[in-house]
Amino acid sequence: MEEVKLRNGTSEADVLVAATMLSLRALAESKPVALIELVEVCRDPKHTIWGQCAEELKDVSLLQPDGRPHDSIRNIVQSAAEGEGFEVHLVDPKATT
């Protein structure tokens, strides 16, 4: 399984990065508030996820049953998300060097 270096300095399986990015892009289109909440909890583990967003994120396997993101998901989200709040947008999470 090929690993790729991410912008946050970690490495993850290329196939997992690709699948996660598909889920993140779909989330950005259909449930942008849930995406913002995922970004926030990936940046700050003490963040409390708002409303139904936790269930929506669990439904698409971006949160574990305990409500926390898996370390690999956290790495990908931290590498792919830029901006704050409603200004969050997704970029290629792979490191350029």
PDB file of N, CA and C in Angstrom:
ATOM      1  N   MET A   1       0.849  -1.167   0.000  1.00  0.00           N
ATOM      2  CA  MET A   1       0.000   0.000   0.000  1.00  0.00           C
ATOM      3  C   MET A   1       0.903   1.241   0.000  1.00  0.00           C
ATOM      4  N   GLU A   2       0.667   2.117  -0.949  1.00  0.00           N
ATOM      5  CA  GLU A   2       1.495   3.315  -1.080  1.00  0.00           C
ATOM      6  C   GLU A   2       1.088   4.373  -0.060  1.00  0.00           C
ATOM      7  N   GLU A   3       2.079   4.925   0.613  1.00  0.00           N
ATOM      8  CA  GLU A   3       1.864   6.005   1.578  1.00  0.00           C
ATOM      9  C   GLU A   3       2.238   7.325   0.922  1.00  0.00           C
ATOM     10  N   VAL A   4       1.541   8.374   1.309  1.00  0.00           N
ATOM     11  CA  VAL A   4       1.863   9.710   0.813  1.00  0.00           C
ATOM     12  C   VAL A   4       2.114  10.631   2.000  1.00  0.00           C
ATOM     13  N   LYS A   5       3.004  11.572   1.812  1.00  0.00           N
ATOM     14  CA  LYS A   5       3.318  12.565   2.837  1.00  0.00           C
ATOM     15  C   LYS A   5       2.268  13.665   2.772  1.00  0.00           C
ATOM     16  N   LEU A   6       1.749  14.049   3.940  1.00  0.00           N
ATOM     17  CA  LEU A   6       0.720  15.079   4.013  1.00  0.00           C
ATOM     18  C   LEU A   6       1.320  16.415   4.442  1.00  0.00           C
ATOM     19  N   ARG A   7       0.564  17.462   4.218  1.00  0.00           N
ATOM     20  CA  ARG A   7       1.016  18.812   4.541  1.00  0.00           C
ATOM     21  C   ARG A   7       1.295  19.007   6.025  1.00  0.00           C
ATOM     22  N   ASN A   8       0.675  18.217   6.918  1.00  0.00           N
ATOM     23  CA  ASN A   8       0.924  18.368   8.348  1.00  0.00           C
ATOM     24  C   ASN A   8       2.133  17.553   8.815  1.00  0.00           C
ATOM     25  N   GLY A   9       2.864  16.945   7.872  1.00  0.00           N
ATOM     26  CA  GLY A   9       4.086  16.219   8.198  1.00  0.00           C
ATOM     27  C   GLY A   9       3.907  14.739   8.447  1.00  0.00           C
ATOM     28  N   THR A  10       2.681  14.244   8.437  1.00  0.00           N
ATOM     29  CA  THR A  10       2.424  12.824   8.659  1.00  0.00           C
ATOM     30  C   THR A  10       2.330  12.102   7.312  1.00  0.00           C
ATOM     31  N   SER A  11       2.227  10.795   7.354  1.00  0.00           N
ATOM     32  CA  SER A  11       2.035   9.980   6.157  1.00  0.00           C
ATOM     33  C   SER A  11       0.815   9.105   6.354  1.00  0.00           C
ATOM     34  N   GLU A  12       0.048   8.928   5.288  1.00  0.00           N
ATOM     35  CA  GLU A  12      -1.135   8.068   5.316  1.00  0.00           C
ATOM     36  C   GLU A  12      -1.215   7.308   3.996  1.00  0.00           C
ATOM     37  N   ALA A  13      -1.985   6.235   3.998  1.00  0.00           N
ATOM     38  CA  ALA A  13      -2.185   5.435   2.789  1.00  0.00           C
ATOM     39  C   ALA A  13      -2.870   6.287   1.722  1.00  0.00           C
ATOM     40  N   ASP A  14      -2.320   6.259   0.522  1.00  0.00           N
ATOM     41  CA  ASP A  14      -2.847   7.062  -0.587  1.00  0.00           C
ATOM     42  C   ASP A  14      -4.323   6.780  -0.830  1.00  0.00           C
ATOM     43  N   VAL A  15      -4.736   5.522  -0.751  1.00  0.00           N
ATOM     44  CA  VAL A  15      -6.130   5.163  -0.997  1.00  0.00           C
ATOM     45  C   VAL A  15      -7.046   5.760   0.083  1.00  0.00           C
ATOM     46  N   LEU A  16      -6.574   5.809   1.324  1.00  0.00           N
ATOM     47  CA  LEU A  16      -7.362   6.407   2.399  1.00  0.00           C
ATOM     48  C   LEU A  16      -7.482   7.923   2.196  1.00  0.00           C
ATOM     49  N   VAL A  17      -6.410   8.544   1.775  1.00  0.00           N
ATOM     50  CA  VAL A  17      -6.448   9.988   1.499  1.00  0.00           C
ATOM     51  C   VAL A  17      -7.465  10.270   0.395  1.00  0.00           C
ATOM     52  N   ALA A  18      -7.419   9.499  -0.672  1.00  0.00           N
ATOM     53  CA  ALA A  18      -8.340   9.712  -1.798  1.00  0.00           C
ATOM     54  C   ALA A  18      -9.792   9.512  -1.365  1.00  0.00           C
ATOM     55  N   ALA A  19     -10.073   8.444  -0.625  1.00  0.00           N
ATOM     56  CA  ALA A  19     -11.443   8.166  -0.191  1.00  0.00           C
ATOM     57  C   ALA A  19     -11.937   9.235   0.783  1.00  0.00           C
ATOM     58  N   THR A  20     -11.078   9.650   1.684  1.00  0.00           N
ATOM     59  CA  THR A  20     -11.470  10.676   2.648  1.00  0.00           C
ATOM     60  C   THR A  20     -11.748  11.997   1.956  1.00  0.00           C
ATOM     61  N   MET A  21     -10.935  12.345   0.984  1.00  0.00           N
ATOM     62  CA  MET A  21     -11.150  13.595   0.254  1.00  0.00           C
ATOM     63  C   MET A  21     -12.476  13.571  -0.505  1.00  0.00           C
ATOM     64  N   LEU A  22     -12.859  12.424  -1.043  1.00  0.00           N
ATOM     65  CA  LEU A  22     -14.169  12.317  -1.698  1.00  0.00           C
ATOM     66  C   LEU A  22     -15.278  12.607  -0.696  1.00  0.00           C
ATOM     67  N   SER A  23     -15.155  12.035   0.505  1.00  0.00           N
ATOM     68  CA  SER A  23     -16.158  12.266   1.550  1.00  0.00           C
ATOM     69  C   SER A  23     -16.168  13.725   1.992  1.00  0.00           C
ATOM     70  N   LEU A  24     -15.000  14.323   2.145  1.00  0.00           N
ATOM     71  CA  LEU A  24     -14.924  15.721   2.574  1.00  0.00           C
ATOM     72  C   LEU A  24     -15.529  16.657   1.531  1.00  0.00           C
ATOM     73  N   ARG A  25     -15.255  16.394   0.262  1.00  0.00           N
ATOM     74  CA  ARG A  25     -15.816  17.252  -0.806  1.00  0.00           C
ATOM     75  C   ARG A  25     -17.337  17.121  -0.860  1.00  0.00           C
ATOM     76  N   ALA A  26     -17.836  15.901  -0.702  1.00  0.00           N
ATOM     77  CA  ALA A  26     -19.288  15.698  -0.691  1.00  0.00           C
ATOM     78  C   ALA A  26     -19.908  16.410   0.510  1.00  0.00           C
ATOM     79  N   LEU A  27     -19.255  16.341   1.635  1.00  0.00           N
ATOM     80  CA  LEU A  27     -19.730  17.005   2.844  1.00  0.00           C
ATOM     81  C   LEU A  27     -19.747  18.519   2.649  1.00  0.00           C
ATOM     82  N   ALA A  28     -18.730  19.051   2.010  1.00  0.00           N
ATOM     83  CA  ALA A  28     -18.666  20.492   1.753  1.00  0.00           C
ATOM     84  C   ALA A  28     -19.850  20.951   0.908  1.00  0.00           C
ATOM     85  N   GLU A  29     -20.284  20.100  -0.002  1.00  0.00           N
ATOM     86  CA  GLU A  29     -21.424  20.431  -0.871  1.00  0.00           C
ATOM     87  C   GLU A  29     -22.765  20.260  -0.179  1.00  0.00           C
ATOM     88  N   SER A  30     -22.905  19.180   0.584  1.00  0.00           N
ATOM     89  CA  SER A  30     -24.227  18.850   1.133  1.00  0.00           C
ATOM     90  C   SER A  30     -24.450  19.285   2.583  1.00  0.00           C
ATOM     91  N   LYS A  31     -23.392  19.300   3.377  1.00  0.00           N
ATOM     92  CA  LYS A  31     -23.523  19.629   4.806  1.00  0.00           C
ATOM     93  C   LYS A  31     -22.311  20.436   5.260  1.00  0.00           C
ATOM     94  N   PRO A  32     -22.202  21.681   4.800  1.00  0.00           N
ATOM     95  CA  PRO A  32     -21.011  22.475   5.116  1.00  0.00           C
ATOM     96  C   PRO A  32     -20.811  22.723   6.610  1.00  0.00           C
ATOM     97  N   VAL A  33     -21.877  22.817   7.378  1.00  0.00           N
ATOM     98  CA  VAL A  33     -21.713  23.029   8.827  1.00  0.00           C
ATOM     99  C   VAL A  33     -21.055  21.803   9.464  1.00  0.00           C
ATOM    100  N   ALA A  34     -21.418  20.622   9.015  1.00  0.00           N
ATOM    101  CA  ALA A  34     -20.792  19.403   9.528  1.00  0.00           C
ATOM    102  C   ALA A  34     -19.303  19.380   9.179  1.00  0.00           C
ATOM    103  N   LEU A  35     -18.958  19.848   7.993  1.00  0.00           N
ATOM    104  CA  LEU A  35     -17.542  19.926   7.617  1.00  0.00           C
ATOM    105  C   LEU A  35     -16.806  20.886   8.552  1.00  0.00           C
ATOM    106  N   ILE A  36     -17.387  22.036   8.809  1.00  0.00           N
ATOM    107  CA  ILE A  36     -16.764  23.009   9.715  1.00  0.00           C
ATOM    108  C   ILE A  36     -16.564  22.387  11.100  1.00  0.00           C
ATOM    109  N   GLU A  37     -17.556  21.680  11.579  1.00  0.00           N
ATOM    110  CA  GLU A  37     -17.452  21.038  12.891  1.00  0.00           C
ATOM    111  C   GLU A  37     -16.364  19.967  12.900  1.00  0.00           C
ATOM    112  N   LEU A  38     -16.245  19.210  11.816  1.00  0.00           N
ATOM    113  CA  LEU A  38     -15.186  18.204  11.717  1.00  0.00           C
ATOM    114  C   LEU A  38     -13.821  18.878  11.751  1.00  0.00           C
ATOM    115  N   VAL A  39     -13.668  19.943  11.001  1.00  0.00           N
ATOM    116  CA  VAL A  39     -12.396  20.677  10.996  1.00  0.00           C
ATOM    117  C   VAL A  39     -12.075  21.162  12.405  1.00  0.00           C
ATOM    118  N   GLU A  40     -13.057  21.721  13.077  1.00  0.00           N
ATOM    119  CA  GLU A  40     -12.832  22.244  14.429  1.00  0.00           C
ATOM    120  C   GLU A  40     -12.404  21.154  15.403  1.00  0.00           C
ATOM    121  N   VAL A  41     -13.068  19.996  15.366  1.00  0.00           N
ATOM    122  CA  VAL A  41     -12.713  18.926  16.308  1.00  0.00           C
ATOM    123  C   VAL A  41     -11.367  18.296  15.943  1.00  0.00           C
ATOM    124  N   CYS A  42     -10.989  18.327  14.674  1.00  0.00           N
ATOM    125  CA  CYS A  42      -9.671  17.830  14.274  1.00  0.00           C
ATOM    126  C   CYS A  42      -8.572  18.794  14.719  1.00  0.00           C
ATOM    127  N   ARG A  43      -8.886  20.072  14.744  1.00  0.00           N
ATOM    128  CA  ARG A  43      -7.908  21.074  15.197  1.00  0.00           C
ATOM    129  C   ARG A  43      -7.839  21.151  16.715  1.00  0.00           C
ATOM    130  N   ASP A  44      -8.971  20.941  17.382  1.00  0.00           N
ATOM    131  CA  ASP A  44      -9.052  21.061  18.841  1.00  0.00           C
ATOM    132  C   ASP A  44      -9.870  19.905  19.393  1.00  0.00           C
ATOM    133  N   PRO A  45      -9.212  18.875  19.924  1.00  0.00           N
ATOM    134  CA  PRO A  45      -9.934  17.699  20.429  1.00  0.00           C
ATOM    135  C   PRO A  45     -10.951  18.013  21.527  1.00  0.00           C
ATOM    136  N   LYS A  46     -10.851  19.163  22.168  1.00  0.00           N
ATOM    137  CA  LYS A  46     -11.792  19.539  23.226  1.00  0.00           C
ATOM    138  C   LYS A  46     -13.046  20.206  22.669  1.00  0.00           C
ATOM    139  N   HIS A  47     -13.071  20.450  21.372  1.00  0.00           N
ATOM    140  CA  HIS A  47     -14.224  21.093  20.733  1.00  0.00           C
ATOM    141  C   HIS A  47     -15.457  20.203  20.877  1.00  0.00           C
ATOM    142  N   THR A  48     -16.580  20.812  21.222  1.00  0.00           N
ATOM    143  CA  THR A  48     -17.854  20.100  21.296  1.00  0.00           C
ATOM    144  C   THR A  48     -18.582  20.303  19.973  1.00  0.00           C
ATOM    145  N   ILE A  49     -18.904  19.208  19.317  1.00  0.00           N
ATOM    146  CA  ILE A  49     -19.563  19.266  18.014  1.00  0.00           C
ATOM    147  C   ILE A  49     -21.001  19.707  18.183  1.00  0.00           C
ATOM    148  N   TRP A  50     -21.420  20.632  17.355  1.00  0.00           N
ATOM    149  CA  TRP A  50     -22.728  21.272  17.425  1.00  0.00           C
ATOM    150  C   TRP A  50     -23.841  20.395  16.856  1.00  0.00           C
ATOM    151  N   GLY A  51     -24.969  20.396  17.528  1.00  0.00           N
ATOM    152  CA  GLY A  51     -26.215  19.795  17.038  1.00  0.00           C
ATOM    153  C   GLY A  51     -26.085  18.368  16.539  1.00  0.00           C
ATOM    154  N   GLN A  52     -26.688  18.129  15.389  1.00  0.00           N
ATOM    155  CA  GLN A  52     -26.725  16.800  14.775  1.00  0.00           C
ATOM    156  C   GLN A  52     -25.472  16.488  13.966  1.00  0.00           C
ATOM    157  N   CYS A  53     -24.539  17.410  13.939  1.00  0.00           N
ATOM    158  CA  CYS A  53     -23.357  17.215  13.093  1.00  0.00           C
ATOM    159  C   CYS A  53     -22.576  15.954  13.451  1.00  0.00           C
ATOM    160  N   ALA A  54     -22.495  15.632  14.734  1.00  0.00           N
ATOM    161  CA  ALA A  54     -21.753  14.427  15.127  1.00  0.00           C
ATOM    162  C   ALA A  54     -22.373  13.181  14.495  1.00  0.00           C
ATOM    163  N   GLU A  55     -23.692  13.078  14.536  1.00  0.00           N
ATOM    164  CA  GLU A  55     -24.360  11.920  13.932  1.00  0.00           C
ATOM    165  C   GLU A  55     -24.161  11.900  12.420  1.00  0.00           C
ATOM    166  N   GLU A  56     -24.229  13.060  11.788  1.00  0.00           N
ATOM    167  CA  GLU A  56     -24.019  13.143  10.341  1.00  0.00           C
ATOM    168  C   GLU A  56     -22.601  12.693   9.980  1.00  0.00           C
ATOM    169  N   LEU A  57     -21.618  13.077  10.792  1.00  0.00           N
ATOM    170  CA  LEU A  57     -20.230  12.686  10.538  1.00  0.00           C
ATOM    171  C   LEU A  57     -19.999  11.204  10.811  1.00  0.00           C
ATOM    172  N   LYS A  58     -20.671  10.652  11.814  1.00  0.00           N
ATOM    173  CA  LYS A  58     -20.581   9.212  12.071  1.00  0.00           C
ATOM    174  C   LYS A  58     -21.206   8.432  10.914  1.00  0.00           C
ATOM    175  N   ASP A  59     -22.307   8.946  10.374  1.00  0.00           N
ATOM    176  CA  ASP A  59     -23.002   8.269   9.264  1.00  0.00           C
ATOM    177  C   ASP A  59     -22.116   8.099   8.045  1.00  0.00           C
ATOM    178  N   VAL A  60     -21.170   9.021   7.842  1.00  0.00           N
ATOM    179  CA  VAL A  60     -20.275   8.926   6.682  1.00  0.00           C
ATOM    180  C   VAL A  60     -18.867   8.485   7.094  1.00  0.00           C
ATOM    181  N   SER A  61     -18.766   7.914   8.304  1.00  0.00           N
ATOM    182  CA  SER A  61     -17.529   7.316   8.830  1.00  0.00           C
ATOM    183  C   SER A  61     -16.366   8.291   8.977  1.00  0.00           C
ATOM    184  N   LEU A  62     -16.682   9.571   9.213  1.00  0.00           N
ATOM    185  CA  LEU A  62     -15.623  10.545   9.464  1.00  0.00           C
ATOM    186  C   LEU A  62     -15.391  10.747  10.963  1.00  0.00           C
ATOM    187  N   LEU A  63     -16.307  10.233  11.770  1.00  0.00           N
ATOM    188  CA  LEU A  63     -16.131  10.167  13.221  1.00  0.00           C
ATOM    189  C   LEU A  63     -16.331   8.730  13.655  1.00  0.00           C
ATOM    190  N   GLN A  64     -15.605   8.324  14.667  1.00  0.00           N
ATOM    191  CA  GLN A  64     -15.766   7.007  15.252  1.00  0.00           C
ATOM    192  C   GLN A  64     -17.019   7.002  16.133  1.00  0.00           C
ATOM    193  N   PRO A  65     -17.493   5.839  16.532  1.00  0.00           N
ATOM    194  CA  PRO A  65     -18.688   5.772  17.390  1.00  0.00           C
ATOM    195  C   PRO A  65     -18.578   6.595  18.677  1.00  0.00           C
ATOM    196  N   ASP A  66     -17.343   6.796  19.176  1.00  0.00           N
ATOM    197  CA  ASP A  66     -17.162   7.589  20.397  1.00  0.00           C
ATOM    198  C   ASP A  66     -17.197   9.098  20.137  1.00  0.00           C
ATOM    199  N   GLY A  67     -17.391   9.488  18.869  1.00  0.00           N
ATOM    200  CA  GLY A  67     -17.489  10.897  18.531  1.00  0.00           C
ATOM    201  C   GLY A  67     -16.176  11.586  18.228  1.00  0.00           C
ATOM    202  N   ARG A  68     -15.098  10.846  18.184  1.00  0.00           N
ATOM    203  CA  ARG A  68     -13.783  11.412  17.893  1.00  0.00           C
ATOM    204  C   ARG A  68     -13.330  10.945  16.511  1.00  0.00           C
ATOM    205  N   PRO A  69     -12.567  11.783  15.809  1.00  0.00           N
ATOM    206  CA  PRO A  69     -12.031  11.334  14.522  1.00  0.00           C
ATOM    207  C   PRO A  69     -10.858  10.380  14.728  1.00  0.00           C
ATOM    208  N   HIS A  70     -10.747   9.398  13.866  1.00  0.00           N
ATOM    209  CA  HIS A  70      -9.587   8.509  13.869  1.00  0.00           C
ATOM    210  C   HIS A  70      -8.354   9.363  13.568  1.00  0.00           C
ATOM    211  N   ASP A  71      -7.191   8.953  14.063  1.00  0.00           N
ATOM    212  CA  ASP A  71      -5.961   9.724  13.844  1.00  0.00           C
ATOM    213  C   ASP A  71      -5.687   9.967  12.362  1.00  0.00           C
ATOM    214  N   SER A  72      -5.949   8.984  11.516  1.00  0.00           N
ATOM    215  CA  SER A  72      -5.709   9.154  10.078  1.00  0.00           C
ATOM    216  C   SER A  72      -6.648  10.199   9.483  1.00  0.00           C
ATOM    217  N   ILE A  73      -7.910  10.171   9.886  1.00  0.00           N
ATOM    218  CA  ILE A  73      -8.865  11.180   9.415  1.00  0.00           C
ATOM    219  C   ILE A  73      -8.418  12.557   9.892  1.00  0.00           C
ATOM    220  N   ARG A  74      -8.003  12.653  11.143  1.00  0.00           N
ATOM    221  CA  ARG A  74      -7.530  13.928  11.687  1.00  0.00           C
ATOM    222  C   ARG A  74      -6.359  14.462  10.861  1.00  0.00           C
ATOM    223  N   ASN A  75      -5.398  13.595  10.536  1.00  0.00           N
ATOM    224  CA  ASN A  75      -4.248  14.026   9.740  1.00  0.00           C
ATOM    225  C   ASN A  75      -4.677  14.558   8.374  1.00  0.00           C
ATOM    226  N   ILE A  76      -5.593  13.870   7.742  1.00  0.00           N
ATOM    227  CA  ILE A  76      -6.040  14.280   6.406  1.00  0.00           C
ATOM    228  C   ILE A  76      -6.807  15.590   6.485  1.00  0.00           C
ATOM    229  N   VAL A  77      -7.713  15.711   7.445  1.00  0.00           N
ATOM    230  CA  VAL A  77      -8.496  16.943   7.594  1.00  0.00           C
ATOM    231  C   VAL A  77      -7.576  18.117   7.923  1.00  0.00           C
ATOM    232  N   GLN A  78      -6.643  17.930   8.851  1.00  0.00           N
ATOM    233  CA  GLN A  78      -5.718  19.007   9.193  1.00  0.00           C
ATOM    234  C   GLN A  78      -4.903  19.448   7.982  1.00  0.00           C
ATOM    235  N   SER A  79      -4.591  18.506   7.103  1.00  0.00           N
ATOM    236  CA  SER A  79      -3.792  18.813   5.920  1.00  0.00           C
ATOM    237  C   SER A  79      -4.615  19.415   4.783  1.00  0.00           C
ATOM    238  N   ALA A  80      -5.906  19.129   4.762  1.00  0.00           N
ATOM    239  CA  ALA A  80      -6.754  19.554   3.645  1.00  0.00           C
ATOM    240  C   ALA A  80      -7.543  20.833   3.910  1.00  0.00           C
ATOM    241  N   ALA A  81      -7.763  21.172   5.165  1.00  0.00           N
ATOM    242  CA  ALA A  81      -8.625  22.312   5.496  1.00  0.00           C
ATOM    243  C   ALA A  81      -7.804  23.577   5.704  1.00  0.00           C
ATOM    244  N   GLU A  82      -8.226  24.632   5.037  1.00  0.00           N
ATOM    245  CA  GLU A  82      -7.633  25.954   5.237  1.00  0.00           C
ATOM    246  C   GLU A  82      -8.750  26.926   5.550  1.00  0.00           C
ATOM    247  N   GLY A  83      -8.451  27.926   6.359  1.00  0.00           N
ATOM    248  CA  GLY A  83      -9.441  28.930   6.708  1.00  0.00           C
ATOM    249  C   GLY A  83     -10.143  28.595   8.009  1.00  0.00           C
ATOM    250  N   GLU A  84     -11.051  29.488   8.384  1.00  0.00           N
ATOM    251  CA  GLU A  84     -11.782  29.371   9.639  1.00  0.00           C
ATOM    252  C   GLU A  84     -13.282  29.498   9.382  1.00  0.00           C
ATOM    253  N   GLY A  85     -14.084  28.844  10.219  1.00  0.00           N
ATOM    254  CA  GLY A  85     -15.535  28.991  10.159  1.00  0.00           C
ATOM    255  C   GLY A  85     -16.091  28.772   8.764  1.00  0.00           C
ATOM    256  N   PHE A  86     -16.981  29.684   8.346  1.00  0.00           N
ATOM    257  CA  PHE A  86     -17.605  29.546   7.034  1.00  0.00           C
ATOM    258  C   PHE A  86     -16.650  29.834   5.886  1.00  0.00           C
ATOM    259  N   GLU A  87     -15.421  30.211   6.212  1.00  0.00           N
ATOM    260  CA  GLU A  87     -14.393  30.444   5.189  1.00  0.00           C
ATOM    261  C   GLU A  87     -13.513  29.209   4.976  1.00  0.00           C
ATOM    262  N   VAL A  88     -13.834  28.098   5.626  1.00  0.00           N
ATOM    263  CA  VAL A  88     -13.051  26.868   5.451  1.00  0.00           C
ATOM    264  C   VAL A  88     -13.208  26.382   4.019  1.00  0.00           C
ATOM    265  N   HIS A  89     -12.097  26.018   3.428  1.00  0.00           N
ATOM    266  CA  HIS A  89     -12.131  25.399   2.097  1.00  0.00           C
ATOM    267  C   HIS A  89     -11.093  24.274   2.069  1.00  0.00           C
ATOM    268  N   LEU A  90     -11.264  23.385   1.118  1.00  0.00           N
ATOM    269  CA  LEU A  90     -10.398  22.203   1.020  1.00  0.00           C
ATOM    270  C   LEU A  90      -9.343  22.399  -0.049  1.00  0.00           C
ATOM    271  N   VAL A  91      -8.145  21.935   0.264  1.00  0.00           N
ATOM    272  CA  VAL A  91      -7.011  21.957  -0.665  1.00  0.00           C
ATOM    273  C   VAL A  91      -6.443  20.542  -0.733  1.00  0.00           C
ATOM    274  N   ASP A  92      -5.525  20.325  -1.647  1.00  0.00           N
ATOM    275  CA  ASP A  92      -4.863  19.031  -1.753  1.00  0.00           C
ATOM    276  C   ASP A  92      -4.062  18.797  -0.468  1.00  0.00           C
ATOM    277  N   PRO A  93      -4.346  17.713   0.253  1.00  0.00           N
ATOM    278  CA  PRO A  93      -3.663  17.481   1.518  1.00  0.00           C
ATOM    279  C   PRO A  93      -2.220  16.975   1.373  1.00  0.00           C
ATOM    280  N   LYS A  94      -1.829  16.613   0.181  1.00  0.00           N
ATOM    281  CA  LYS A  94      -0.487  16.041  -0.021  1.00  0.00           C
ATOM    282  C   LYS A  94       0.567  17.128  -0.004  1.00  0.00           C
ATOM    283  N   ALA A  95       1.688  16.811   0.632  1.00  0.00           N
ATOM    284  CA  ALA A  95       2.814  17.737   0.681  1.00  0.00           C
ATOM    285  C   ALA A  95       3.392  17.903  -0.718  1.00  0.00           C
ATOM    286  N   THR A  96       3.857  19.084  -1.015  1.00  0.00           N
ATOM    287  CA  THR A  96       4.370  19.353  -2.358  1.00  0.00           C
ATOM    288  C   THR A  96       5.835  19.030  -2.498  1.00  0.00           C
ATOM    289  N   THR A  97       6.525  18.818  -1.397  1.00  0.00           N
ATOM    290  CA  THR A  97       7.959  18.500  -1.494  1.00  0.00           C
ATOM    291  C   THR A  97       8.258  17.109  -1.013  1.00  0.00           C
TER     292      THR A  97
END
